[in-house]
Amino acid sequence: MKSIREIFKNNPSLLDEPEVVQLLEYCEQLQDEIVEFKFQKTNNKELAMLDMLKEVIKGCDVIEKEQAEHERFGYDSPNYQETISNLKRCILKRCQDEKIYL
């Protein structure tokens, strides 16, 4: 599945449109519901943890690709501190939702 940045990389200004913001929020809710459904279907925390780790790896791959592009074309580097904070917050929220204690 493509990331939001990949989908809108040719026209990032569309991300500022209210309808696009609403659509992205809706897609995020649907993704959460799919994960919840998978968990209810198997009632297995291991599956939820594996799904979360796959998402983390996918996000890291996107960041690495983005960094390579920035280095290649001489753009300013992304704000990795914000990325790390968002990743940590996502993991902790997901663990709380799934009742996984780290």
PDB file of N, CA and C in Angstrom:
ATOM      1  N   MET A   1       0.842  -1.175   0.000  1.00  0.00           N
ATOM      2  CA  MET A   1       0.000   0.000   0.000  1.00  0.00           C
ATOM      3  C   MET A   1       0.889   1.241   0.000  1.00  0.00           C
ATOM      4  N   LYS A   2       0.556   2.217  -0.812  1.00  0.00           N
ATOM      5  CA  LYS A   2       1.345   3.439  -0.921  1.00  0.00           C
ATOM      6  C   LYS A   2       1.093   4.355   0.274  1.00  0.00           C
ATOM      7  N   SER A   3       2.131   5.101   0.634  1.00  0.00           N
ATOM      8  CA  SER A   3       1.981   6.079   1.706  1.00  0.00           C
ATOM      9  C   SER A   3       1.341   7.352   1.137  1.00  0.00           C
ATOM     10  N   ILE A   4       0.902   8.208   2.025  1.00  0.00           N
ATOM     11  CA  ILE A   4       0.270   9.465   1.622  1.00  0.00           C
ATOM     12  C   ILE A   4       1.257  10.311   0.831  1.00  0.00           C
ATOM     13  N   ARG A   5       2.509  10.347   1.278  1.00  0.00           N
ATOM     14  CA  ARG A   5       3.527  11.143   0.583  1.00  0.00           C
ATOM     15  C   ARG A   5       3.741  10.634  -0.838  1.00  0.00           C
ATOM     16  N   GLU A   6       3.733   9.320  -1.004  1.00  0.00           N
ATOM     17  CA  GLU A   6       3.916   8.752  -2.344  1.00  0.00           C
ATOM     18  C   GLU A   6       2.755   9.121  -3.260  1.00  0.00           C
ATOM     19  N   ILE A   7       1.555   9.053  -2.735  1.00  0.00           N
ATOM     20  CA  ILE A   7       0.370   9.339  -3.537  1.00  0.00           C
ATOM     21  C   ILE A   7       0.348  10.797  -3.987  1.00  0.00           C
ATOM     22  N   PHE A   8       0.735  11.714  -3.096  1.00  0.00           N
ATOM     23  CA  PHE A   8       0.629  13.138  -3.391  1.00  0.00           C
ATOM     24  C   PHE A   8       1.977  13.786  -3.718  1.00  0.00           C
ATOM     25  N   LYS A   9       3.006  12.995  -4.025  1.00  0.00           N
ATOM     26  CA  LYS A   9       4.329  13.587  -4.238  1.00  0.00           C
ATOM     27  C   LYS A   9       4.372  14.505  -5.462  1.00  0.00           C
ATOM     28  N   ASN A  10       3.546  14.256  -6.458  1.00  0.00           N
ATOM     29  CA  ASN A  10       3.534  15.113  -7.646  1.00  0.00           C
ATOM     30  C   ASN A  10       2.722  16.386  -7.451  1.00  0.00           C
ATOM     31  N   ASN A  11       1.849  16.390  -6.434  1.00  0.00           N
ATOM     32  CA  ASN A  11       1.023  17.576  -6.195  1.00  0.00           C
ATOM     33  C   ASN A  11       0.734  17.685  -4.684  1.00  0.00           C
ATOM     34  N   PRO A  12       1.768  17.999  -3.869  1.00  0.00           N
ATOM     35  CA  PRO A  12       1.582  18.037  -2.411  1.00  0.00           C
ATOM     36  C   PRO A  12       0.624  19.127  -1.943  1.00  0.00           C
ATOM     37  N   SER A  13       0.342  20.112  -2.766  1.00  0.00           N
ATOM     38  CA  SER A  13      -0.575  21.179  -2.354  1.00  0.00           C
ATOM     39  C   SER A  13      -1.996  20.645  -2.139  1.00  0.00           C
ATOM     40  N   LEU A  14      -2.308  19.494  -2.753  1.00  0.00           N
ATOM     41  CA  LEU A  14      -3.639  18.907  -2.556  1.00  0.00           C
ATOM     42  C   LEU A  14      -3.870  18.496  -1.105  1.00  0.00           C
ATOM     43  N   LEU A  15      -2.794  18.243  -0.364  1.00  0.00           N
ATOM     44  CA  LEU A  15      -2.929  17.849   1.038  1.00  0.00           C
ATOM     45  C   LEU A  15      -3.551  18.949   1.893  1.00  0.00           C
ATOM     46  N   ASP A  16      -3.547  20.187   1.395  1.00  0.00           N
ATOM     47  CA  ASP A  16      -4.137  21.309   2.125  1.00  0.00           C
ATOM     48  C   ASP A  16      -5.627  21.465   1.876  1.00  0.00           C
ATOM     49  N   GLU A  17      -6.161  20.743   0.910  1.00  0.00           N
ATOM     50  CA  GLU A  17      -7.589  20.836   0.590  1.00  0.00           C
ATOM     51  C   GLU A  17      -8.428  20.165   1.686  1.00  0.00           C
ATOM     52  N   PRO A  18      -9.492  20.811   2.151  1.00  0.00           N
ATOM     53  CA  PRO A  18     -10.317  20.248   3.229  1.00  0.00           C
ATOM     54  C   PRO A  18     -10.889  18.865   2.899  1.00  0.00           C
ATOM     55  N   GLU A  19     -11.285  18.674   1.656  1.00  0.00           N
ATOM     56  CA  GLU A  19     -11.857  17.386   1.278  1.00  0.00           C
ATOM     57  C   GLU A  19     -10.811  16.275   1.361  1.00  0.00           C
ATOM     58  N   VAL A  20      -9.586  16.594   0.978  1.00  0.00           N
ATOM     59  CA  VAL A  20      -8.503  15.610   1.036  1.00  0.00           C
ATOM     60  C   VAL A  20      -8.178  15.284   2.494  1.00  0.00           C
ATOM     61  N   VAL A  21      -8.167  16.296   3.335  1.00  0.00           N
ATOM     62  CA  VAL A  21      -7.915  16.082   4.764  1.00  0.00           C
ATOM     63  C   VAL A  21      -8.982  15.153   5.339  1.00  0.00           C
ATOM     64  N   GLN A  22     -10.242  15.407   4.995  1.00  0.00           N
ATOM     65  CA  GLN A  22     -11.336  14.556   5.477  1.00  0.00           C
ATOM     66  C   GLN A  22     -11.174  13.127   4.966  1.00  0.00           C
ATOM     67  N   LEU A  23     -10.818  12.986   3.714  1.00  0.00           N
ATOM     68  CA  LEU A  23     -10.628  11.666   3.124  1.00  0.00           C
ATOM     69  C   LEU A  23      -9.495  10.913   3.813  1.00  0.00           C
ATOM     70  N   LEU A  24      -8.408  11.599   4.104  1.00  0.00           N
ATOM     71  CA  LEU A  24      -7.281  10.963   4.787  1.00  0.00           C
ATOM     72  C   LEU A  24      -7.659  10.520   6.201  1.00  0.00           C
ATOM     73  N   GLU A  25      -8.425  11.361   6.896  1.00  0.00           N
ATOM     74  CA  GLU A  25      -8.892  10.995   8.237  1.00  0.00           C
ATOM     75  C   GLU A  25      -9.797   9.766   8.163  1.00  0.00           C
ATOM     76  N   TYR A  26     -10.659   9.729   7.171  1.00  0.00           N
ATOM     77  CA  TYR A  26     -11.557   8.588   6.985  1.00  0.00           C
ATOM     78  C   TYR A  26     -10.757   7.309   6.695  1.00  0.00           C
ATOM     79  N   CYS A  27      -9.755   7.430   5.842  1.00  0.00           N
ATOM     80  CA  CYS A  27      -8.916   6.270   5.517  1.00  0.00           C
ATOM     81  C   CYS A  27      -8.188   5.760   6.761  1.00  0.00           C
ATOM     82  N   GLU A  28      -7.724   6.689   7.592  1.00  0.00           N
ATOM     83  CA  GLU A  28      -7.041   6.300   8.823  1.00  0.00           C
ATOM     84  C   GLU A  28      -7.995   5.541   9.750  1.00  0.00           C
ATOM     85  N   GLN A  29      -9.235   6.013   9.844  1.00  0.00           N
ATOM     86  CA  GLN A  29     -10.234   5.319  10.666  1.00  0.00           C
ATOM     87  C   GLN A  29     -10.492   3.911  10.126  1.00  0.00           C
ATOM     88  N   LEU A  30     -10.592   3.795   8.810  1.00  0.00           N
ATOM     89  CA  LEU A  30     -10.817   2.487   8.204  1.00  0.00           C
ATOM     90  C   LEU A  30      -9.648   1.537   8.471  1.00  0.00           C
ATOM     91  N   GLN A  31      -8.430   2.064   8.400  1.00  0.00           N
ATOM     92  CA  GLN A  31      -7.263   1.227   8.694  1.00  0.00           C
ATOM     93  C   GLN A  31      -7.317   0.728  10.129  1.00  0.00           C
ATOM     94  N   ASP A  32      -7.682   1.613  11.060  1.00  0.00           N
ATOM     95  CA  ASP A  32      -7.806   1.208  12.458  1.00  0.00           C
ATOM     96  C   ASP A  32      -8.877   0.135  12.625  1.00  0.00           C
ATOM     97  N   GLU A  33      -9.998   0.290  11.918  1.00  0.00           N
ATOM     98  CA  GLU A  33     -11.074  -0.701  12.008  1.00  0.00           C
ATOM     99  C   GLU A  33     -10.637  -2.050  11.438  1.00  0.00           C
ATOM    100  N   ILE A  34      -9.868  -2.028  10.376  1.00  0.00           N
ATOM    101  CA  ILE A  34      -9.371  -3.278   9.786  1.00  0.00           C
ATOM    102  C   ILE A  34      -8.468  -3.993  10.777  1.00  0.00           C
ATOM    103  N   VAL A  35      -7.576  -3.256  11.398  1.00  0.00           N
ATOM    104  CA  VAL A  35      -6.673  -3.859  12.380  1.00  0.00           C
ATOM    105  C   VAL A  35      -7.480  -4.422  13.546  1.00  0.00           C
ATOM    106  N   GLU A  36      -8.461  -3.651  14.014  1.00  0.00           N
ATOM    107  CA  GLU A  36      -9.306  -4.122  15.120  1.00  0.00           C
ATOM    108  C   GLU A  36     -10.059  -5.387  14.721  1.00  0.00           C
ATOM    109  N   PHE A  37     -10.560  -5.431  13.503  1.00  0.00           N
ATOM    110  CA  PHE A  37     -11.270  -6.609  13.010  1.00  0.00           C
ATOM    111  C   PHE A  37     -10.340  -7.814  12.977  1.00  0.00           C
ATOM    112  N   LYS A  38      -9.132  -7.619  12.470  1.00  0.00           N
ATOM    113  CA  LYS A  38      -8.158  -8.717  12.434  1.00  0.00           C
ATOM    114  C   LYS A  38      -7.902  -9.244  13.835  1.00  0.00           C
ATOM    115  N   PHE A  39      -7.758  -8.316  14.789  1.00  0.00           N
ATOM    116  CA  PHE A  39      -7.486  -8.722  16.158  1.00  0.00           C
ATOM    117  C   PHE A  39      -8.676  -9.468  16.759  1.00  0.00           C
ATOM    118  N   GLN A  40      -9.881  -8.982  16.519  1.00  0.00           N
ATOM    119  CA  GLN A  40     -11.067  -9.657  17.049  1.00  0.00           C
ATOM    120  C   GLN A  40     -11.233 -11.036  16.434  1.00  0.00           C
ATOM    121  N   LYS A  41     -10.888 -11.133  15.172  1.00  0.00           N
ATOM    122  CA  LYS A  41     -11.030 -12.399  14.461  1.00  0.00           C
ATOM    123  C   LYS A  41     -10.121 -13.469  15.056  1.00  0.00           C
ATOM    124  N   THR A  42      -8.918 -13.089  15.407  1.00  0.00           N
ATOM    125  CA  THR A  42      -7.964 -14.073  15.931  1.00  0.00           C
ATOM    126  C   THR A  42      -7.790 -13.980  17.437  1.00  0.00           C
ATOM    127  N   ASN A  43      -8.137 -12.832  18.004  1.00  0.00           N
ATOM    128  CA  ASN A  43      -7.958 -12.573  19.432  1.00  0.00           C
ATOM    129  C   ASN A  43      -6.529 -12.892  19.848  1.00  0.00           C
ATOM    130  N   ASN A  44      -5.591 -12.433  19.050  1.00  0.00           N
ATOM    131  CA  ASN A  44      -4.193 -12.751  19.263  1.00  0.00           C
ATOM    132  C   ASN A  44      -3.389 -11.458  19.268  1.00  0.00           C
ATOM    133  N   LYS A  45      -2.776 -11.143  20.408  1.00  0.00           N
ATOM    134  CA  LYS A  45      -1.989  -9.917  20.508  1.00  0.00           C
ATOM    135  C   LYS A  45      -0.734  -9.988  19.646  1.00  0.00           C
ATOM    136  N   GLU A  46      -0.265 -11.172  19.386  1.00  0.00           N
ATOM    137  CA  GLU A  46       0.920 -11.317  18.554  1.00  0.00           C
ATOM    138  C   GLU A  46       0.654 -10.782  17.148  1.00  0.00           C
ATOM    139  N   LEU A  47      -0.526 -11.048  16.617  1.00  0.00           N
ATOM    140  CA  LEU A  47      -0.883 -10.558  15.292  1.00  0.00           C
ATOM    141  C   LEU A  47      -0.924  -9.030  15.267  1.00  0.00           C
ATOM    142  N   ALA A  48      -1.491  -8.440  16.314  1.00  0.00           N
ATOM    143  CA  ALA A  48      -1.543  -6.979  16.399  1.00  0.00           C
ATOM    144  C   ALA A  48      -0.132  -6.404  16.479  1.00  0.00           C
ATOM    145  N   MET A  49       0.735  -7.065  17.238  1.00  0.00           N
ATOM    146  CA  MET A  49       2.113  -6.594  17.377  1.00  0.00           C
ATOM    147  C   MET A  49       2.860  -6.723  16.046  1.00  0.00           C
ATOM    148  N   LEU A  50       2.658  -7.817  15.354  1.00  0.00           N
ATOM    149  CA  LEU A  50       3.301  -8.004  14.056  1.00  0.00           C
ATOM    150  C   LEU A  50       2.829  -6.959  13.052  1.00  0.00           C
ATOM    151  N   ASP A  51       1.542  -6.677  13.060  1.00  0.00           N
ATOM    152  CA  ASP A  51       0.996  -5.663  12.157  1.00  0.00           C
ATOM    153  C   ASP A  51       1.613  -4.301  12.451  1.00  0.00           C
ATOM    154  N   MET A  52       1.738  -3.971  13.727  1.00  0.00           N
ATOM    155  CA  MET A  52       2.322  -2.700  14.114  1.00  0.00           C
ATOM    156  C   MET A  52       3.790  -2.634  13.681  1.00  0.00           C
ATOM    157  N   LEU A  53       4.522  -3.716  13.874  1.00  0.00           N
ATOM    158  CA  LEU A  53       5.932  -3.724  13.485  1.00  0.00           C
ATOM    159  C   LEU A  53       6.097  -3.597  11.971  1.00  0.00           C
ATOM    160  N   LYS A  54       5.210  -4.217  11.211  1.00  0.00           N
ATOM    161  CA  LYS A  54       5.252  -4.076   9.753  1.00  0.00           C
ATOM    162  C   LYS A  54       5.054  -2.619   9.348  1.00  0.00           C
ATOM    163  N   GLU A  55       4.126  -1.937  10.013  1.00  0.00           N
ATOM    164  CA  GLU A  55       3.876  -0.527   9.723  1.00  0.00           C
ATOM    165  C   GLU A  55       5.087   0.330  10.075  1.00  0.00           C
ATOM    166  N   VAL A  56       5.752   0.005  11.182  1.00  0.00           N
ATOM    167  CA  VAL A  56       6.943   0.746  11.587  1.00  0.00           C
ATOM    168  C   VAL A  56       8.050   0.563  10.558  1.00  0.00           C
ATOM    169  N   ILE A  57       8.263  -0.674  10.120  1.00  0.00           N
ATOM    170  CA  ILE A  57       9.293  -0.956   9.117  1.00  0.00           C
ATOM    171  C   ILE A  57       8.976  -0.216   7.815  1.00  0.00           C
ATOM    172  N   LYS A  58       7.711  -0.226   7.417  1.00  0.00           N
ATOM    173  CA  LYS A  58       7.307   0.463   6.194  1.00  0.00           C
ATOM    174  C   LYS A  58       7.580   1.967   6.318  1.00  0.00           C
ATOM    175  N   GLY A  59       7.274   2.533   7.481  1.00  0.00           N
ATOM    176  CA  GLY A  59       7.536   3.948   7.713  1.00  0.00           C
ATOM    177  C   GLY A  59       9.021   4.265   7.687  1.00  0.00           C
ATOM    178  N   CYS A  60       9.833   3.387   8.255  1.00  0.00           N
ATOM    179  CA  CYS A  60      11.291   3.579   8.238  1.00  0.00           C
ATOM    180  C   CYS A  60      11.823   3.518   6.809  1.00  0.00           C
ATOM    181  N   ASP A  61      11.302   2.607   6.018  1.00  0.00           N
ATOM    182  CA  ASP A  61      11.724   2.510   4.617  1.00  0.00           C
ATOM    183  C   ASP A  61      11.424   3.806   3.864  1.00  0.00           C
ATOM    184  N   VAL A  62      10.256   4.378   4.120  1.00  0.00           N
ATOM    185  CA  VAL A  62       9.875   5.636   3.464  1.00  0.00           C
ATOM    186  C   VAL A  62      10.838   6.754   3.876  1.00  0.00           C
ATOM    187  N   ILE A  63      11.188   6.800   5.162  1.00  0.00           N
ATOM    188  CA  ILE A  63      12.094   7.834   5.650  1.00  0.00           C
ATOM    189  C   ILE A  63      13.473   7.673   5.026  1.00  0.00           C
ATOM    190  N   GLU A  64      13.952   6.423   4.937  1.00  0.00           N
ATOM    191  CA  GLU A  64      15.255   6.180   4.321  1.00  0.00           C
ATOM    192  C   GLU A  64      15.257   6.604   2.850  1.00  0.00           C
ATOM    193  N   LYS A  65      14.177   6.291   2.146  1.00  0.00           N
ATOM    194  CA  LYS A  65      14.075   6.672   0.739  1.00  0.00           C
ATOM    195  C   LYS A  65      14.043   8.193   0.603  1.00  0.00           C
ATOM    196  N   GLU A  66      13.292   8.838   1.481  1.00  0.00           N
ATOM    197  CA  GLU A  66      13.190  10.294   1.476  1.00  0.00           C
ATOM    198  C   GLU A  66      14.561  10.924   1.732  1.00  0.00           C
ATOM    199  N   GLN A  67      15.304  10.369   2.703  1.00  0.00           N
ATOM    200  CA  GLN A  67      16.635  10.888   3.027  1.00  0.00           C
ATOM    201  C   GLN A  67      17.561  10.764   1.816  1.00  0.00           C
ATOM    202  N   ALA A  68      17.506   9.622   1.129  1.00  0.00           N
ATOM    203  CA  ALA A  68      18.343   9.411  -0.051  1.00  0.00           C
ATOM    204  C   ALA A  68      18.014  10.446  -1.132  1.00  0.00           C
ATOM    205  N   GLU A  69      16.732  10.727  -1.316  1.00  0.00           N
ATOM    206  CA  GLU A  69      16.327  11.733  -2.304  1.00  0.00           C
ATOM    207  C   GLU A  69      16.815  13.119  -1.909  1.00  0.00           C
ATOM    208  N   HIS A  70      16.739  13.431  -0.625  1.00  0.00           N
ATOM    209  CA  HIS A  70      17.190  14.743  -0.154  1.00  0.00           C
ATOM    210  C   HIS A  70      18.689  14.894  -0.360  1.00  0.00           C
ATOM    211  N   GLU A  71      19.437  13.846  -0.063  1.00  0.00           N
ATOM    212  CA  GLU A  71      20.883  13.901  -0.264  1.00  0.00           C
ATOM    213  C   GLU A  71      21.222  13.993  -1.745  1.00  0.00           C
ATOM    214  N   ARG A  72      20.508  13.248  -2.554  1.00  0.00           N
ATOM    215  CA  ARG A  72      20.780  13.217  -3.993  1.00  0.00           C
ATOM    216  C   ARG A  72      20.531  14.566  -4.657  1.00  0.00           C
ATOM    217  N   PHE A  73      19.418  15.208  -4.281  1.00  0.00           N
ATOM    218  CA  PHE A  73      19.032  16.456  -4.934  1.00  0.00           C
ATOM    219  C   PHE A  73      19.393  17.701  -4.132  1.00  0.00           C
ATOM    220  N   GLY A  74      20.004  17.530  -2.966  1.00  0.00           N
ATOM    221  CA  GLY A  74      20.450  18.667  -2.164  1.00  0.00           C
ATOM    222  C   GLY A  74      19.340  19.436  -1.470  1.00  0.00           C
ATOM    223  N   TYR A  75      18.217  18.780  -1.189  1.00  0.00           N
ATOM    224  CA  TYR A  75      17.129  19.441  -0.463  1.00  0.00           C
ATOM    225  C   TYR A  75      17.453  19.483   1.028  1.00  0.00           C
ATOM    226  N   ASP A  76      16.701  20.328   1.748  1.00  0.00           N
ATOM    227  CA  ASP A  76      16.835  20.349   3.204  1.00  0.00           C
ATOM    228  C   ASP A  76      16.386  19.003   3.761  1.00  0.00           C
ATOM    229  N   SER A  77      17.055  18.559   4.816  1.00  0.00           N
ATOM    230  CA  SER A  77      16.711  17.279   5.427  1.00  0.00           C
ATOM    231  C   SER A  77      15.382  17.373   6.169  1.00  0.00           C
ATOM    232  N   PRO A  78      14.625  16.283   6.193  1.00  0.00           N
ATOM    233  CA  PRO A  78      13.369  16.261   6.952  1.00  0.00           C
ATOM    234  C   PRO A  78      13.633  16.393   8.448  1.00  0.00           C
ATOM    235  N   ASN A  79      12.607  16.728   9.187  1.00  0.00           N
ATOM    236  CA  ASN A  79      12.717  16.865  10.633  1.00  0.00           C
ATOM    237  C   ASN A  79      12.562  15.482  11.266  1.00  0.00           C
ATOM    238  N   TYR A  80      13.689  14.823  11.503  1.00  0.00           N
ATOM    239  CA  TYR A  80      13.639  13.460  12.029  1.00  0.00           C
ATOM    240  C   TYR A  80      13.181  13.414  13.474  1.00  0.00           C
ATOM    241  N   GLN A  81      13.437  14.464  14.246  1.00  0.00           N
ATOM    242  CA  GLN A  81      12.979  14.472  15.638  1.00  0.00           C
ATOM    243  C   GLN A  81      11.461  14.364  15.685  1.00  0.00           C
ATOM    244  N   GLU A  82      10.792  15.100  14.821  1.00  0.00           N
ATOM    245  CA  GLU A  82       9.328  15.033  14.761  1.00  0.00           C
ATOM    246  C   GLU A  82       8.878  13.644  14.306  1.00  0.00           C
ATOM    247  N   THR A  83       9.581  13.083  13.344  1.00  0.00           N
ATOM    248  CA  THR A  83       9.244  11.748  12.837  1.00  0.00           C
ATOM    249  C   THR A  83       9.379  10.709  13.942  1.00  0.00           C
ATOM    250  N   ILE A  84      10.469  10.790  14.692  1.00  0.00           N
ATOM    251  CA  ILE A  84      10.700   9.841  15.782  1.00  0.00           C
ATOM    252  C   ILE A  84       9.630  10.000  16.854  1.00  0.00           C
ATOM    253  N   SER A  85       9.297  11.234  17.192  1.00  0.00           N
ATOM    254  CA  SER A  85       8.254  11.480  18.202  1.00  0.00           C
ATOM    255  C   SER A  85       6.911  10.921  17.743  1.00  0.00           C
ATOM    256  N   ASN A  86       6.576  11.139  16.464  1.00  0.00           N
ATOM    257  CA  ASN A  86       5.317  10.609  15.931  1.00  0.00           C
ATOM    258  C   ASN A  86       5.306   9.086  15.954  1.00  0.00           C
ATOM    259  N   LEU A  87       6.423   8.481  15.606  1.00  0.00           N
ATOM    260  CA  LEU A  87       6.521   7.022  15.612  1.00  0.00           C
ATOM    261  C   LEU A  87       6.350   6.476  17.029  1.00  0.00           C
ATOM    262  N   LYS A  88       7.027   7.087  17.972  1.00  0.00           N
ATOM    263  CA  LYS A  88       6.918   6.650  19.370  1.00  0.00           C
ATOM    264  C   LYS A  88       5.483   6.795  19.874  1.00  0.00           C
ATOM    265  N   ARG A  89       4.864   7.932  19.562  1.00  0.00           N
ATOM    266  CA  ARG A  89       3.484   8.170  19.993  1.00  0.00           C
ATOM    267  C   ARG A  89       2.541   7.136  19.379  1.00  0.00           C
ATOM    268  N   CYS A  90       2.765   6.821  18.098  1.00  0.00           N
ATOM    269  CA  CYS A  90       1.943   5.822  17.403  1.00  0.00           C
ATOM    270  C   CYS A  90       2.083   4.451  18.058  1.00  0.00           C
ATOM    271  N   ILE A  91       3.310   4.058  18.362  1.00  0.00           N
ATOM    272  CA  ILE A  91       3.545   2.752  18.982  1.00  0.00           C
ATOM    273  C   ILE A  91       2.898   2.689  20.358  1.00  0.00           C
ATOM    274  N   LEU A  92       3.095   3.723  21.164  1.00  0.00           N
ATOM    275  CA  LEU A  92       2.535   3.717  22.514  1.00  0.00           C
ATOM    276  C   LEU A  92       1.008   3.710  22.496  1.00  0.00           C
ATOM    277  N   LYS A  93       0.415   4.471  21.564  1.00  0.00           N
ATOM    278  CA  LYS A  93      -1.060   4.495  21.449  1.00  0.00           C
ATOM    279  C   LYS A  93      -1.578   3.133  21.033  1.00  0.00           C
ATOM    280  N   ARG A  94      -0.911   2.540  20.068  1.00  0.00           N
ATOM    281  CA  ARG A  94      -1.327   1.219  19.583  1.00  0.00           C
ATOM    282  C   ARG A  94      -1.212   0.171  20.690  1.00  0.00           C
ATOM    283  N   CYS A  95      -0.117   0.224  21.443  1.00  0.00           N
ATOM    284  CA  CYS A  95       0.064  -0.714  22.552  1.00  0.00           C
ATOM    285  C   CYS A  95      -1.021  -0.517  23.607  1.00  0.00           C
ATOM    286  N   GLN A  96      -1.353   0.733  23.882  1.00  0.00           N
ATOM    287  CA  GLN A  96      -2.418   1.019  24.846  1.00  0.00           C
ATOM    288  C   GLN A  96      -3.752   0.465  24.349  1.00  0.00           C
ATOM    289  N   ASP A  97      -4.062   0.681  23.072  1.00  0.00           N
ATOM    290  CA  ASP A  97      -5.315   0.193  22.498  1.00  0.00           C
ATOM    291  C   ASP A  97      -5.406  -1.327  22.534  1.00  0.00           C
ATOM    292  N   GLU A  98      -4.260  -1.979  22.290  1.00  0.00           N
ATOM    293  CA  GLU A  98      -4.246  -3.433  22.213  1.00  0.00           C
ATOM    294  C   GLU A  98      -3.962  -4.086  23.561  1.00  0.00           C
ATOM    295  N   LYS A  99      -3.763  -3.232  24.602  1.00  0.00           N
ATOM    296  CA  LYS A  99      -3.436  -3.710  25.939  1.00  0.00           C
ATOM    297  C   LYS A  99      -2.154  -4.552  25.928  1.00  0.00           C
ATOM    298  N   ILE A 100      -1.167  -4.014  25.218  1.00  0.00           N
ATOM    299  CA  ILE A 100       0.162  -4.615  25.178  1.00  0.00           C
ATOM    300  C   ILE A 100       1.055  -3.739  26.041  1.00  0.00           C
ATOM    301  N   TYR A 101       1.654  -4.334  27.068  1.00  0.00           N
ATOM    302  CA  TYR A 101       2.429  -3.562  28.014  1.00  0.00           C
ATOM    303  C   TYR A 101       3.910  -3.751  27.737  1.00  0.00           C
ATOM    304  N   LEU A 102       4.582  -2.635  27.470  1.00  0.00           N
ATOM    305  CA  LEU A 102       6.018  -2.670  27.168  1.00  0.00           C
ATOM    306  C   LEU A 102       6.825  -2.399  28.419  1.00  0.00           C
TER     307      LEU A 102
END
